[in-house]
Amino acid sequence: MPSDHVQELCDLVNVAEAWVERLKELCVPLCETIEEHVEVEACILAAEEAGIHAQSATKACTDFVKGQDIKDLPTNQLSPGAQPPGTSESKQALGKLLVRIGECGKSTEALIQAVTGAKEQVARRAFAQQKTEERKALFSKYDRDKDQFLNQKEVVTYAKTELSVNVDQVLLDKIWRFTVEKDEKGISFDKLYLLNASLGIAREMKRNERRRTARIAKEKVLAGLREKVKSKVREVERLYAKFDRDMRAAEEAVRPLACRVKNSSVSEMERCADDCDKMVEVCRQTACKVKRRIETIPLGFDKKYEEDMNELFRIQIKPLDLQMGRGDLRLVRVENLCKRHREEACLKRAQETEMVRAFGMKVARHYARVNELSFEELFRNMDADGDGVVDEEEFASFFAIVDKDIPDEFECVENRTTDEQEELPGLGEVYPQETAKETSDEMVLAKNNSVVPKPKPKKVVKAELTPEEVRSLFASVLEPDAVTLSPEAFSRILKVYFKVVKETPLTKKLEVNGSETLQQLNVGEFVEMLEGPEKEASMKVFRAKVKVTGEDKEGWATIAGNDGSIFLQEVGHLWKILRQTELFESFEDGPPKEGIRSVKQVEVLEVLSWPQKDESGLSRLKVKAKLDGAIGWITQANKEGVVFADPL
């Protein structure tokens, strides 16, 4: 650093040191005892002002040093290894100045802290003096005789007015014994703090006594309230014991239901379900009473004791809530078992009704086939009075006179002789163009083992068609809310439907050989039988004229092959749900509307309208739920081929 800069810095340091010395001089009186408060404040103000100047002067020194680069010396014109003249003296002088700057800063900070401490001490002293003056004024206020002492009468007045303490003679004697000397006339100002302490102790002791009395009274009240709570809890426990007994009885009643399904009649199953429902309803009502009683346990108590009683309520109510939680689970389990038994009864009744209906319709179709009647002519034949509808009496009269001893609707290959089977051509001869496609694994296995597989045709399950069964049959074929059978409803129930269980061609004619193939019937499709079944002369197989549901394609299809393969399986009007789906109000697959519900897996439905495809490619089915009679549309299969419902 150049020498002129060093000199300038030295002048700044001298100014800073001068202000530090001035600050020291002003701080000396603060360390001594100054009686006048005004003088102390004047010294503090002067010291604070000097401290500000000392800080500014010290900061000016440090700012000057920061503004100069003490390492940047003019060495560009010196020879290598040479030092500029005066460099060593400048560094020494600069080092000393830096030390002096540091000492100025430290001294300034220490002196400013001393000034701040003196200022706080002066403030505390002034506050204490003010309080002392206030107390002296208070003392003088009650020193009526101005003898610089408070006598007993004056103490009583002081205690009652200022501290709200009623001093009796016992307390007054006690205070006098410990506070007033023998040669004193009363309590002096110097001992006023002892009087305040004694009166404060006496006041707190009286407060403690009042609090103790209030606590004892409160404990008595709480004891009564606790007993009331326990009484309510005992009442709930008695009610829960009754619920538990009813629940055990219901559990015992539903336990054997699953084992009785196979050997019980529908009426017995429904009676058991009704009995269980009554028991469940009793349990549910008792459970509701228990829950209401639990809810009323914390009610009816004074709100001022609410905080004290909350913990007791929690301790007493929690076990009851846990018990009822387990009771609810038991109740739900019994309800589900009872509901399942009722559903099984409903399914069994539906199967019995469907069996009667299937046989009754076979009887009607056989009668029409034997007498060469169309369905319309058969209906007119049944409509005795010719009013266009069939009532229950006409329906029963028809089945009373009709022949009920009917054969199977088609014979099976197993009824043929071995020679007849050998004479029949194979499937390759029937459909040469479909040979590779139609040859099944069963046929290959049969060929290798030289065993001809036997078909499994759907046998006719015969019913007695008693008057009760006929009435049940008539009720099952009626439209909703109808009392007579219309031609449309009669035509719907008389139709026969098949499910394609193995791919087969739909041909134009009854004959197999040389007949044009209209389309291929795929597995899972449904067809309506229009004519037949009729035995094809060359192949000696039963074929039927069918129409693909939801389409206009009509043609002839083989019901069963001459090797026993089943292509079309007759299906009834009862379907089961394979996957849970929604019941919609309209044919379109839109959001469910009010009154339409979900149909769960294994639920049984009656088909009202057979599968039809909508614009999006979904196969839709109109059904009636056997469980509650709900009517609507469901998705039978989606575009990916996932099946939601299938014939039972």
Foldseek 3Di string as FASTA:
>chain_A
DDPVLLVVLVVLLVQLVVLLVVLVVLCVVLVPDDDDLVVLVVSLVVSVVSLVSNVVSLVVSVVSVVVDDLVDDPCPPPDPPDDDPPNVVSVVSVVVSVVSSVVSVVSSVVSNVSSVVSVVVSVVVVVVVVVLVVLVVVQVVLPVVPPQFHALVSLQVCCCPPVVAHDDPVLSVVLCVPAPDPVDRHHHSVRVVVSVVSSVVVVVVVVVVVVVVVVVVVVVVVVVLLVVLVVLLVVLVVLVVVLVVLLVVLCVLLVCLVVCLVPDALVVLVVSLVVSVVSLVVSVVSLVVSVVSLVCSLPDDDPVCSVVCVVVNCVSSVVVVVSSVVVVVSSVVSVVSSVVSNLSSLVVVVVVLQLLLVLVLVLLVVVCVVVVHDLVRSQCVLCVVRPQWHALVSLLVVVVPGDSDDFPQDDWLVPDDPVVLVPADDPCVLPVVCVVVQDDPVNVVCVVVVHQDTADADGRDGDPPDSVSSVSNQVVQDDPPDRIGHSVSSVVSSKWKWFFQGKWFFFADPARPPTHTPGIDDGGWMWIFDDDQDQHPRNRFTKTWIHTAQDGDIGITTQAHSSRRGGIHIFTQKKFFQAKWWFDADQDPDDHDPPTGIDHGGFIWGFPGAWHADPQGFTKTWTAGSSPRDTGITGQAGPVGDGGMDGD
